[in-house]
Structure formats: C-alpha cells, structure tokens
Amino acid sequence: MITATKVTKKFGRVAAVSGVSLELGEGESLALWGSNGAGKTTLIRCLLGVIRFRGAARIGGVDVRKRGRRARSLVGYVPQELAFHDDARLGSAMAFFAGLRCVPRARAAEALATVGLAGHERKRVRDLSGGMKQRLALAIALLSDPPLIMLDEPTSNLDAAGRGEVVETLHNLKTSGKTLLFASHRPDEVISLADRVLVLDRGKVQRDTTPRELWPTEKPIQVVRLHLTMASEDDAARVLREAGHAVHVNGHGLCVAVPRDRKADPICTLARCQIEVRDIEVLDNVHMPEVQP
C-alpha cells in the first residue's frame, strides 16, 4: 500500500526526516514511534505529498510527488489538531464534507455509523466529548471509503475513556481490512493496533520491529517517567535505546515503557553509564493483548 525510499526532508540545515525507507502492505498496520521531534509528523506529511521532500514515495502504486492529488484520494487523514465550527451540527458538518468529497449524502450516514456516532446527527460540535470529536474527524476521513488511514497522534489530547473509544474504532477498521499508519508515543495504542513499529529518532529509523519485540513480555507494561538534569536527557535516551528500551522524550523527563516487575531496569542501565536519575514517576499500566491462534 505504501512504499517509501530514502525520504528526506530538511528545514534549513536541520534534517527532520533523513533517509527513511519503509513498506506497508494492504491490511497491515504500522506505528511510527518516537519522541517529540523524532520526525513522525513530517514523515506523514511527506507521504501525503503536502510538503516537498527528496526520495520517493508511492501510495497504491501512485507516485506521491508526481500525482499527489491522486495518491491522497486513497488516504483518509486525521491530523493531531482538529478544527471544527463549534456551532455546526454533526449531520450538517458531514453533509458539507460529503459535498467537498463529491460523495452521496448517504455515505455520510454510513461513515458516522462506522465510527459509532449514528444517532448524534443533531448534536453540536461544542457539545461533543474529546473522543467523539476525534471519531467525527475519523468519520470525515472515511467518507470516500479510502483503503488507507493515516493518523497523527490520534489520542494525544484525550482522557482514558476517549482514548479507549478511538482505539476500539481503529481496531474495528483494521479488522475490516483498512490499512493503518499512525504516529503515537503511547505503548497501549501501539500494542493494540500495530503489526509493526518504525522507531524514529531525530529523523532516522532506529528499528523496524514489532510491539512484541519492543515489549517481549506477557505481563502488563508499566510506563515510568525518569527525571534527570536537562543536560543528560539526550545521552540517557541514547543509552536506554541502545539497551533495547522504548523511550519517549516529552520535555518533562524520559518516559520508558517496561514490564511492571522490571521498573528498575532503566535506572540500573543508566547507573552503569554514570547517569543519575533524580526522581521517578509511575504513570500507567498497559496490558498486552492475547495472541490469536
């Protein structure tokens, strides 16, 4: 469904994406995992063909650089930041976007039903929960029934209930045969939805792996935040990644996903390199889904 070769995007002298190659087959799901600034959003924009880049990318065999509009017609895109008119009602908003996409209005009702919003057509956007707004954005992305869905941090601004709603909807779409490519820094989303994980760091691919290789355990995953001096965060993140840990840098410490009974492993790893951890927070549990026979 997607083939990309040596995709590179520079902003001035800074390479936001550097030589990224990937393949994603039909019906597969690929997670882009990495810290803020790792290049996830820029890579998605390159694959959509909305910014210039060096290298090559194809969606459904269509060259993104030469036939961007045709390539994007195969994609339903959900951005991280959503923008809706607060006074609009769901039914009217869907009818508006159906007109822009040149699809029948009946398709708007089908898309709302797909994401679990049937019966809410009279609600105004301002009255929706965060999870419902995200599902509305997904419904709009599904209007033309695209084979590929791209999402940029689909649950970053949601509470636990909203995240659960969106992840369940995406899981149903994957089960129905949709191809998914999404950026995330939440291990629960990656574990639940991804077949493969592309680990990015400063625009480069560090690993092309699977959720079970990143977190090889049947036990719940614990996310811990390690607080260090700002000067040592980059070195600490590098050391932890080299030791096989999944690390997310968010400007408020290093978030590391580890088995619940091995929470001290990252601290021990850093101690061997004489990097001191000032404090540690336990954030949440993530349960590994059962493997289907």
C-alpha atoms as a PDB file:
ATOM      1  CA  MET A   1       0.000   0.000   0.000  1.00  0.00           C
ATOM      2  CA  ILE A   2       2.899   2.347   0.813  1.00  0.00           C
ATOM      3  CA  THR A   3       6.445   2.175  -0.495  1.00  0.00           C
ATOM      4  CA  ALA A   4       8.926   4.864   0.514  1.00  0.00           C
ATOM      5  CA  THR A   5      12.622   5.017  -0.335  1.00  0.00           C
ATOM      6  CA  LYS A   6      15.162   7.337   1.312  1.00  0.00           C
ATOM      7  CA  VAL A   7      12.605  10.025   2.140  1.00  0.00           C
ATOM      8  CA  THR A   8      14.462  13.117   3.337  1.00  0.00           C
ATOM      9  CA  LYS A   9      13.137  16.498   4.417  1.00  0.00           C
ATOM     10  CA  LYS A  10      15.297  19.371   5.629  1.00  0.00           C
ATOM     11  CA  PHE A  11      14.239  22.660   7.171  1.00  0.00           C
ATOM     12  CA  GLY A  12      17.266  24.816   6.600  1.00  0.00           C
ATOM     13  CA  ARG A  13      20.204  22.770   7.832  1.00  0.00           C
ATOM     14  CA  VAL A  14      18.096  20.573  10.079  1.00  0.00           C
ATOM     15  CA  ALA A  15      17.047  17.186   8.706  1.00  0.00           C
ATOM     16  CA  ALA A  16      13.596  16.499  10.165  1.00  0.00           C
ATOM     17  CA  VAL A  17      13.461  13.229   8.200  1.00  0.00           C
ATOM     18  CA  SER A  18      16.661  11.597   6.989  1.00  0.00           C
ATOM     19  CA  GLY A  19      16.747   8.710   4.536  1.00  0.00           C
ATOM     20  CA  VAL A  20      13.623   6.913   5.776  1.00  0.00           C
ATOM     21  CA  SER A  21      12.558   3.839   3.814  1.00  0.00           C
ATOM     22  CA  LEU A  22       9.502   1.728   4.594  1.00  0.00           C
ATOM     23  CA  GLU A  23       6.959  -0.651   3.125  1.00  0.00           C
ATOM     24  CA  LEU A  24       3.401  -1.174   4.310  1.00  0.00           C
ATOM     25  CA  GLY A  25       1.231  -3.864   2.763  1.00  0.00           C
ATOM     26  CA  GLU A  26      -2.537  -3.800   2.316  1.00  0.00           C
ATOM     27  CA  GLY A  27      -4.408  -4.542   5.528  1.00  0.00           C
ATOM     28  CA  GLU A  28      -1.328  -4.022   7.698  1.00  0.00           C
ATOM     29  CA  SER A  29      -0.884  -1.519  10.497  1.00  0.00           C
ATOM     30  CA  LEU A  30       2.332   0.435  11.084  1.00  0.00           C
ATOM     31  CA  ALA A  31       3.046   2.634  14.098  1.00  0.00           C
ATOM     32  CA  LEU A  32       5.564   5.480  13.963  1.00  0.00           C
ATOM     33  CA  TRP A  33       7.098   5.563  17.433  1.00  0.00           C
ATOM     34  CA  GLY A  34       9.427   8.267  18.693  1.00  0.00           C
ATOM     35  CA  SER A  35       9.915  11.300  20.899  1.00  0.00           C
ATOM     36  CA  ASN A  36       8.681  14.792  20.126  1.00  0.00           C
ATOM     37  CA  GLY A  37      10.844  15.998  17.251  1.00  0.00           C
ATOM     38  CA  ALA A  38      11.639  12.473  16.049  1.00  0.00           C
ATOM     39  CA  GLY A  39      10.144  13.260  12.627  1.00  0.00           C
ATOM     40  CA  LYS A  40       6.825  11.392  12.815  1.00  0.00           C
ATOM     41  CA  THR A  41       4.578  14.263  11.688  1.00  0.00           C
ATOM     42  CA  THR A  42       6.999  15.411   8.992  1.00  0.00           C
ATOM     43  CA  LEU A  43       7.238  11.879   7.601  1.00  0.00           C
ATOM     44  CA  ILE A  44       3.437  11.641   7.410  1.00  0.00           C
ATOM     45  CA  ARG A  45       3.286  14.965   5.563  1.00  0.00           C
ATOM     46  CA  CYS A  46       5.930  13.752   3.124  1.00  0.00           C
ATOM     47  CA  LEU A  47       3.992  10.548   2.474  1.00  0.00           C
ATOM     48  CA  LEU A  48       0.867  12.622   1.854  1.00  0.00           C
ATOM     49  CA  GLY A  49       2.788  14.772  -0.616  1.00  0.00           C
ATOM     50  CA  VAL A  50       1.784  18.046   1.039  1.00  0.00           C
ATOM     51  CA  ILE A  51       5.407  19.162   1.527  1.00  0.00           C
ATOM     52  CA  ARG A  52       8.376  18.813  -0.779  1.00  0.00           C
ATOM     53  CA  PHE A  53      10.938  16.132   0.006  1.00  0.00           C
ATOM     54  CA  ARG A  54      13.783  14.186  -1.529  1.00  0.00           C
ATOM     55  CA  GLY A  55      13.471  10.473  -2.194  1.00  0.00           C
ATOM     56  CA  ALA A  56      10.491   8.528  -3.485  1.00  0.00           C
ATOM     57  CA  ALA A  57       7.094   7.534  -2.113  1.00  0.00           C
ATOM     58  CA  ARG A  58       4.156   5.668  -3.613  1.00  0.00           C
ATOM     59  CA  ILE A  59       0.666   5.014  -2.277  1.00  0.00           C
ATOM     60  CA  GLY A  60      -1.212   2.224  -4.015  1.00  0.00           C
ATOM     61  CA  GLY A  61       1.393   2.385  -6.768  1.00  0.00           C
ATOM     62  CA  VAL A  62       0.785   6.125  -7.334  1.00  0.00           C
ATOM     63  CA  ASP A  63       3.822   8.411  -7.218  1.00  0.00           C
ATOM     64  CA  VAL A  64       3.182  10.901  -4.403  1.00  0.00           C
ATOM     65  CA  ARG A  65       5.499  13.566  -5.827  1.00  0.00           C
ATOM     66  CA  LYS A  66       4.146  13.443  -9.391  1.00  0.00           C
ATOM     67  CA  ARG A  67       0.465  12.646  -8.763  1.00  0.00           C
ATOM     68  CA  GLY A  68      -0.118  13.884  -5.241  1.00  0.00           C
ATOM     69  CA  ARG A  69      -3.834  14.526  -5.576  1.00  0.00           C
ATOM     70  CA  ARG A  70      -4.475  11.045  -6.951  1.00  0.00           C
ATOM     71  CA  ALA A  71      -2.349   9.484  -4.191  1.00  0.00           C
ATOM     72  CA  ARG A  72      -4.185  11.442  -1.487  1.00  0.00           C
ATOM     73  CA  SER A  73      -7.529  10.232  -2.826  1.00  0.00           C
ATOM     74  CA  LEU A  74      -6.538   6.808  -1.469  1.00  0.00           C
ATOM     75  CA  VAL A  75      -5.961   8.185   2.025  1.00  0.00           C
ATOM     76  CA  GLY A  76      -8.175   9.205   4.911  1.00  0.00           C
ATOM     77  CA  TYR A  77      -6.119  11.578   7.062  1.00  0.00           C
ATOM     78  CA  VAL A  78      -6.766  12.523  10.695  1.00  0.00           C
ATOM     79  CA  PRO A  79      -4.462  15.316  11.955  1.00  0.00           C
ATOM     80  CA  GLN A  80      -3.365  15.797  15.539  1.00  0.00           C
ATOM     81  CA  GLU A  81      -5.037  19.207  15.844  1.00  0.00           C
ATOM     82  CA  LEU A  82      -8.713  19.249  14.935  1.00  0.00           C
ATOM     83  CA  ALA A  83     -10.617  22.333  13.746  1.00  0.00           C
ATOM     84  CA  PHE A  84     -14.419  22.312  13.604  1.00  0.00           C
ATOM     85  CA  HIS A  85     -17.016  25.077  13.758  1.00  0.00           C
ATOM     86  CA  ASP A  86     -18.397  24.776  17.292  1.00  0.00           C
ATOM     87  CA  ASP A  87     -21.952  25.699  16.282  1.00  0.00           C
ATOM     88  CA  ALA A  88     -22.150  23.138  13.479  1.00  0.00           C
ATOM     89  CA  ARG A  89     -24.239  20.029  13.968  1.00  0.00           C
ATOM     90  CA  LEU A  90     -22.746  16.646  13.141  1.00  0.00           C
ATOM     91  CA  GLY A  91     -25.218  15.942  10.342  1.00  0.00           C
ATOM     92  CA  SER A  92     -24.593  19.312   8.686  1.00  0.00           C
ATOM     93  CA  ALA A  93     -20.823  19.018   9.060  1.00  0.00           C
ATOM     94  CA  MET A  94     -20.823  15.579   7.464  1.00  0.00           C
ATOM     95  CA  ALA A  95     -23.077  16.752   4.619  1.00  0.00           C
ATOM     96  CA  PHE A  96     -20.704  19.677   3.980  1.00  0.00           C
ATOM     97  CA  PHE A  97     -17.641  17.450   3.753  1.00  0.00           C
ATOM     98  CA  ALA A  98     -19.539  14.892   1.675  1.00  0.00           C
ATOM     99  CA  GLY A  99     -20.194  17.683  -0.828  1.00  0.00           C
ATOM    100  CA  LEU A 100     -16.495  18.610  -0.878  1.00  0.00           C
ATOM    101  CA  ARG A 101     -15.568  14.968  -1.492  1.00  0.00           C
ATOM    102  CA  CYS A 102     -18.273  14.571  -4.139  1.00  0.00           C
ATOM    103  CA  VAL A 103     -19.783  11.547  -2.415  1.00  0.00           C
ATOM    104  CA  PRO A 104     -23.507  10.855  -1.823  1.00  0.00           C
ATOM    105  CA  ARG A 105     -25.023  12.134   1.428  1.00  0.00           C
ATOM    106  CA  ALA A 106     -25.945   8.560   2.289  1.00  0.00           C
ATOM    107  CA  ARG A 107     -22.229   7.916   2.618  1.00  0.00           C
ATOM    108  CA  ALA A 108     -22.090  10.498   5.448  1.00  0.00           C
ATOM    109  CA  ALA A 109     -24.590   8.464   7.461  1.00  0.00           C
ATOM    110  CA  GLU A 110     -22.633   5.288   6.788  1.00  0.00           C
ATOM    111  CA  ALA A 111     -19.376   6.895   7.952  1.00  0.00           C
ATOM    112  CA  LEU A 112     -20.980   8.120  11.185  1.00  0.00           C
ATOM    113  CA  ALA A 113     -22.335   4.630  11.825  1.00  0.00           C
ATOM    114  CA  THR A 114     -18.892   3.126  11.208  1.00  0.00           C
ATOM    115  CA  VAL A 115     -17.338   5.214  13.999  1.00  0.00           C
ATOM    116  CA  GLY A 116     -20.265   4.758  16.372  1.00  0.00           C
ATOM    117  CA  LEU A 117     -21.822   8.223  16.017  1.00  0.00           C
ATOM    118  CA  ALA A 118     -25.114   7.256  14.391  1.00  0.00           C
ATOM    119  CA  GLY A 119     -27.977   8.976  16.198  1.00  0.00           C
ATOM    120  CA  HIS A 120     -25.896  12.003  17.183  1.00  0.00           C
ATOM    121  CA  GLU A 121     -26.508  13.991  13.983  1.00  0.00           C
ATOM    122  CA  ARG A 122     -28.376  16.783  15.824  1.00  0.00           C
ATOM    123  CA  LYS A 123     -25.622  17.400  18.354  1.00  0.00           C
ATOM    124  CA  ARG A 124     -23.469  20.492  18.005  1.00  0.00           C
ATOM    125  CA  VAL A 125     -19.718  20.067  17.811  1.00  0.00           C
ATOM    126  CA  ARG A 126     -19.204  22.095  21.003  1.00  0.00           C
ATOM    127  CA  ASP A 127     -21.272  19.539  22.929  1.00  0.00           C
ATOM    128  CA  LEU A 128     -19.121  16.571  21.916  1.00  0.00           C
ATOM    129  CA  SER A 129     -16.582  14.921  24.169  1.00  0.00           C
ATOM    130  CA  GLY A 130     -12.960  14.811  23.031  1.00  0.00           C
ATOM    131  CA  GLY A 131     -13.326  11.196  21.971  1.00  0.00           C
ATOM    132  CA  MET A 132     -16.451  11.960  19.951  1.00  0.00           C
ATOM    133  CA  LYS A 133     -14.706  14.848  18.170  1.00  0.00           C
ATOM    134  CA  GLN A 134     -11.843  12.539  17.254  1.00  0.00           C
ATOM    135  CA  ARG A 135     -14.314   9.958  15.944  1.00  0.00           C
ATOM    136  CA  LEU A 136     -16.033  12.717  13.935  1.00  0.00           C
ATOM    137  CA  ALA A 137     -12.685  13.526  12.323  1.00  0.00           C
ATOM    138  CA  LEU A 138     -12.277   9.838  11.555  1.00  0.00           C
ATOM    139  CA  ALA A 139     -15.767   9.714  10.030  1.00  0.00           C
ATOM    140  CA  ILE A 140     -14.840  12.588   7.716  1.00  0.00           C
ATOM    141  CA  ALA A 141     -11.646  10.761   6.749  1.00  0.00           C
ATOM    142  CA  LEU A 142     -13.745   7.692   5.867  1.00  0.00           C
ATOM    143  CA  LEU A 143     -16.248   9.499   3.628  1.00  0.00           C
ATOM    144  CA  SER A 144     -14.695   8.338   0.373  1.00  0.00           C
ATOM    145  CA  ASP A 145     -14.058   4.846   1.806  1.00  0.00           C
ATOM    146  CA  PRO A 146     -10.249   5.077   1.359  1.00  0.00           C
ATOM    147  CA  PRO A 147      -8.192   1.890   1.723  1.00  0.00           C
ATOM    148  CA  LEU A 148      -5.537   3.675   3.808  1.00  0.00           C
ATOM    149  CA  ILE A 149      -5.986   5.667   7.036  1.00  0.00           C
ATOM    150  CA  MET A 150      -3.189   7.935   8.307  1.00  0.00           C
ATOM    151  CA  LEU A 151      -3.395   9.390  11.798  1.00  0.00           C
ATOM    152  CA  ASP A 152      -1.081  11.756  13.657  1.00  0.00           C
ATOM    153  CA  GLU A 153      -1.202  11.131  17.430  1.00  0.00           C
ATOM    154  CA  PRO A 154      -4.919  10.211  17.310  1.00  0.00           C
ATOM    155  CA  THR A 155      -5.452  10.220  21.097  1.00  0.00           C
ATOM    156  CA  SER A 156      -2.876  12.720  22.354  1.00  0.00           C
ATOM    157  CA  ASN A 157      -5.429  15.154  23.822  1.00  0.00           C
ATOM    158  CA  LEU A 158      -7.955  12.622  25.135  1.00  0.00           C
ATOM    159  CA  ASP A 159      -8.710  11.181  28.547  1.00  0.00           C
ATOM    160  CA  ALA A 160      -8.676   7.430  29.180  1.00  0.00           C
ATOM    161  CA  ALA A 161     -12.323   6.974  28.140  1.00  0.00           C
ATOM    162  CA  GLY A 162     -11.834   8.934  24.910  1.00  0.00           C
ATOM    163  CA  ARG A 163      -8.664   7.016  24.082  1.00  0.00           C
ATOM    164  CA  GLY A 164     -10.494   3.742  24.550  1.00  0.00           C
ATOM    165  CA  GLU A 165     -13.292   4.798  22.198  1.00  0.00           C
ATOM    166  CA  VAL A 166     -10.893   5.831  19.440  1.00  0.00           C
ATOM    167  CA  VAL A 167      -8.642   2.781  19.756  1.00  0.00           C
ATOM    168  CA  GLU A 168     -11.666   0.463  19.610  1.00  0.00           C
ATOM    169  CA  THR A 169     -12.907   2.227  16.471  1.00  0.00           C
ATOM    170  CA  LEU A 170      -9.489   1.940  14.810  1.00  0.00           C
ATOM    171  CA  HIS A 171      -9.255  -1.715  15.786  1.00  0.00           C
ATOM    172  CA  ASN A 172     -12.608  -2.347  14.082  1.00  0.00           C
ATOM    173  CA  LEU A 173     -11.407  -0.549  10.955  1.00  0.00           C
ATOM    174  CA  LYS A 174      -8.253  -2.652  10.894  1.00  0.00           C
ATOM    175  CA  THR A 175     -10.333  -5.812  11.283  1.00  0.00           C
ATOM    176  CA  SER A 176     -12.478  -4.708   8.335  1.00  0.00           C
ATOM    177  CA  GLY A 177      -9.369  -4.611   6.131  1.00  0.00           C
ATOM    178  CA  LYS A 178      -8.245  -0.986   6.284  1.00  0.00           C
ATOM    179  CA  THR A 179      -4.523  -0.251   6.192  1.00  0.00           C
ATOM    180  CA  LEU A 180      -3.364   1.938   9.084  1.00  0.00           C
ATOM    181  CA  LEU A 181      -0.338   4.166   9.513  1.00  0.00           C
ATOM    182  CA  PHE A 182      -0.312   6.187  12.718  1.00  0.00           C
ATOM    183  CA  ALA A 183       2.086   8.177  14.865  1.00  0.00           C
ATOM    184  CA  SER A 184       1.969   7.536  18.583  1.00  0.00           C
ATOM    185  CA  HIS A 185       4.004   7.664  21.762  1.00  0.00           C
ATOM    186  CA  ARG A 186       1.536   5.562  23.764  1.00  0.00           C
ATOM    187  CA  PRO A 187       2.551   1.904  24.096  1.00  0.00           C
ATOM    188  CA  ASP A 188      -1.045   0.806  24.696  1.00  0.00           C
ATOM    189  CA  GLU A 189      -2.086   2.114  21.260  1.00  0.00           C
ATOM    190  CA  VAL A 190       0.911   0.549  19.572  1.00  0.00           C
ATOM    191  CA  ILE A 191       0.358  -2.805  21.275  1.00  0.00           C
ATOM    192  CA  SER A 192      -3.357  -2.808  20.473  1.00  0.00           C
ATOM    193  CA  LEU A 193      -3.207  -1.656  16.861  1.00  0.00           C
ATOM    194  CA  ALA A 194       0.194  -2.131  15.240  1.00  0.00           C
ATOM    195  CA  ASP A 195       1.572  -5.122  13.364  1.00  0.00           C
ATOM    196  CA  ARG A 196       4.926  -3.356  13.068  1.00  0.00           C
ATOM    197  CA  VAL A 197       6.660  -0.409  14.685  1.00  0.00           C
ATOM    198  CA  LEU A 198       9.044   2.019  12.991  1.00  0.00           C
ATOM    199  CA  VAL A 199      11.159   3.561  15.748  1.00  0.00           C
ATOM    200  CA  LEU A 200      12.335   7.052  14.783  1.00  0.00           C
ATOM    201  CA  ASP A 201      14.949   9.212  16.447  1.00  0.00           C
ATOM    202  CA  ARG A 202      15.951  12.628  15.087  1.00  0.00           C
ATOM    203  CA  GLY A 203      14.521  11.807  11.697  1.00  0.00           C
ATOM    204  CA  LYS A 204      16.241   8.447  11.261  1.00  0.00           C
ATOM    205  CA  VAL A 205      14.932   4.908  11.522  1.00  0.00           C
ATOM    206  CA  GLN A 206      16.449   3.215  14.551  1.00  0.00           C
ATOM    207  CA  ARG A 207      14.463  -0.022  14.383  1.00  0.00           C
ATOM    208  CA  ASP A 208      11.838  -1.685  12.200  1.00  0.00           C
ATOM    209  CA  THR A 209      10.312  -4.053  14.701  1.00  0.00           C
ATOM    210  CA  THR A 210       7.088  -5.358  16.260  1.00  0.00           C
ATOM    211  CA  PRO A 211       5.293  -4.486  19.508  1.00  0.00           C
ATOM    212  CA  ARG A 212       6.300  -7.830  20.997  1.00  0.00           C
ATOM    213  CA  GLU A 213       9.943  -7.261  20.184  1.00  0.00           C
ATOM    214  CA  LEU A 214       9.795  -3.850  21.855  1.00  0.00           C
ATOM    215  CA  TRP A 215       7.955  -5.258  24.887  1.00  0.00           C
ATOM    216  CA  PRO A 216       8.703  -9.027  24.962  1.00  0.00           C
ATOM    217  CA  THR A 217       6.509  -9.954  27.897  1.00  0.00           C
ATOM    218  CA  GLU A 218       3.060 -11.277  28.679  1.00  0.00           C
ATOM    219  CA  LYS A 219       2.965  -9.123  31.803  1.00  0.00           C
ATOM    220  CA  PRO A 220       1.442  -5.648  31.983  1.00  0.00           C
ATOM    221  CA  ILE A 221       3.631  -2.822  30.724  1.00  0.00           C
ATOM    222  CA  GLN A 222       4.382  -0.012  33.153  1.00  0.00           C
ATOM    223  CA  VAL A 223       5.189   3.454  31.860  1.00  0.00           C
ATOM    224  CA  VAL A 224       7.641   5.274  34.111  1.00  0.00           C
ATOM    225  CA  ARG A 225       8.931   8.823  33.819  1.00  0.00           C
ATOM    226  CA  LEU A 226      12.549   9.397  34.752  1.00  0.00           C
ATOM    227  CA  HIS A 227      13.662  12.879  35.774  1.00  0.00           C
ATOM    228  CA  LEU A 228      17.274  13.813  35.099  1.00  0.00           C
ATOM    229  CA  THR A 229      19.193  17.010  34.527  1.00  0.00           C
ATOM    230  CA  MET A 230      18.312  18.505  31.133  1.00  0.00           C
ATOM    231  CA  ALA A 231      21.948  18.198  30.056  1.00  0.00           C
ATOM    232  CA  SER A 232      21.864  14.409  30.384  1.00  0.00           C
ATOM    233  CA  GLU A 233      18.459  13.643  28.795  1.00  0.00           C
ATOM    234  CA  ASP A 234      19.750  13.115  25.255  1.00  0.00           C
ATOM    235  CA  ASP A 235      22.593  10.883  26.446  1.00  0.00           C
ATOM    236  CA  ALA A 236      20.213   8.950  28.691  1.00  0.00           C
ATOM    237  CA  ALA A 237      17.721   8.416  25.870  1.00  0.00           C
ATOM    238  CA  ARG A 238      20.508   7.118  23.615  1.00  0.00           C
ATOM    239  CA  VAL A 239      21.796   4.735  26.292  1.00  0.00           C
ATOM    240  CA  LEU A 240      18.308   3.376  27.004  1.00  0.00           C
ATOM    241  CA  ARG A 241      17.523   2.862  23.316  1.00  0.00           C
ATOM    242  CA  GLU A 242      20.811   1.051  22.797  1.00  0.00           C
ATOM    243  CA  ALA A 243      19.797  -1.241  25.664  1.00  0.00           C
ATOM    244  CA  GLY A 244      16.531  -2.033  23.866  1.00  0.00           C
ATOM    245  CA  HIS A 245      14.150   0.186  25.840  1.00  0.00           C
ATOM    246  CA  ALA A 246      11.292   2.087  24.173  1.00  0.00           C
ATOM    247  CA  VAL A 247      11.805   5.723  25.175  1.00  0.00           C
ATOM    248  CA  HIS A 248       9.699   8.839  24.661  1.00  0.00           C
ATOM    249  CA  VAL A 249      11.141  12.298  25.373  1.00  0.00           C
ATOM    250  CA  ASN A 250       8.409  14.855  26.025  1.00  0.00           C
ATOM    251  CA  GLY A 251      10.247  17.764  27.652  1.00  0.00           C
ATOM    252  CA  HIS A 252       9.217  16.641  31.148  1.00  0.00           C
ATOM    253  CA  GLY A 253      11.561  13.706  31.607  1.00  0.00           C
ATOM    254  CA  LEU A 254      12.069  10.408  29.822  1.00  0.00           C
ATOM    255  CA  CYS A 255       9.044   8.121  29.538  1.00  0.00           C
ATOM    256  CA  VAL A 256      10.089   4.466  29.367  1.00  0.00           C
ATOM    257  CA  ALA A 257       7.730   1.505  28.846  1.00  0.00           C
ATOM    258  CA  VAL A 258       8.919  -1.521  30.823  1.00  0.00           C
ATOM    259  CA  PRO A 259       7.427  -4.731  32.296  1.00  0.00           C
ATOM    260  CA  ARG A 260       5.711  -3.985  35.585  1.00  0.00           C
ATOM    261  CA  ASP A 261       8.113  -6.231  37.522  1.00  0.00           C
ATOM    262  CA  ARG A 262      11.222  -4.630  35.940  1.00  0.00           C
ATOM    263  CA  LYS A 263      10.677  -0.942  36.667  1.00  0.00           C
ATOM    264  CA  ALA A 264      14.231  -0.525  37.974  1.00  0.00           C
ATOM    265  CA  ASP A 265      15.875  -1.765  34.759  1.00  0.00           C
ATOM    266  CA  PRO A 266      16.180   1.681  33.116  1.00  0.00           C
ATOM    267  CA  ILE A 267      17.677   3.165  36.288  1.00  0.00           C
ATOM    268  CA  CYS A 268      20.240   0.354  36.502  1.00  0.00           C
ATOM    269  CA  THR A 269      21.094   0.789  32.817  1.00  0.00           C
ATOM    270  CA  LEU A 270      21.724   4.499  33.311  1.00  0.00           C
ATOM    271  CA  ALA A 271      23.665   3.944  36.524  1.00  0.00           C
ATOM    272  CA  ARG A 272      26.149   1.750  34.653  1.00  0.00           C
ATOM    273  CA  CYS A 273      26.855   4.774  32.455  1.00  0.00           C
ATOM    274  CA  GLN A 274      27.055   7.080  35.478  1.00  0.00           C
ATOM    275  CA  ILE A 275      23.856   8.926  34.573  1.00  0.00           C
ATOM    276  CA  GLU A 276      21.923   9.861  37.698  1.00  0.00           C
ATOM    277  CA  VAL A 277      18.130   9.682  37.945  1.00  0.00           C
ATOM    278  CA  ARG A 278      16.770  12.402  40.269  1.00  0.00           C
ATOM    279  CA  ASP A 279      13.190  11.119  40.516  1.00  0.00           C
ATOM    280  CA  ILE A 280      10.798   8.550  39.056  1.00  0.00           C
ATOM    281  CA  GLU A 281       7.037   8.599  38.442  1.00  0.00           C
ATOM    282  CA  VAL A 282       4.834   5.600  37.679  1.00  0.00           C
ATOM    283  CA  LEU A 283       2.319   6.660  35.014  1.00  0.00           C
ATOM    284  CA  ASP A 284       0.104   3.772  33.930  1.00  0.00           C
ATOM    285  CA  ASN A 285      -0.284   0.079  33.126  1.00  0.00           C
ATOM    286  CA  VAL A 286      -0.600  -1.356  29.632  1.00  0.00           C
ATOM    287  CA  HIS A 287      -1.837  -4.916  29.174  1.00  0.00           C
ATOM    288  CA  MET A 288      -0.515  -6.971  26.285  1.00  0.00           C
ATOM    289  CA  PRO A 289      -3.370  -8.315  24.139  1.00  0.00           C
ATOM    290  CA  GLU A 290      -3.728 -12.058  23.833  1.00  0.00           C
ATOM    291  CA  VAL A 291      -2.143 -13.630  20.777  1.00  0.00           C
ATOM    292  CA  GLN A 292      -4.753 -15.130  18.496  1.00  0.00           C
ATOM    293  CA  PRO A 293      -4.013 -18.693  17.345  1.00  0.00           C
END
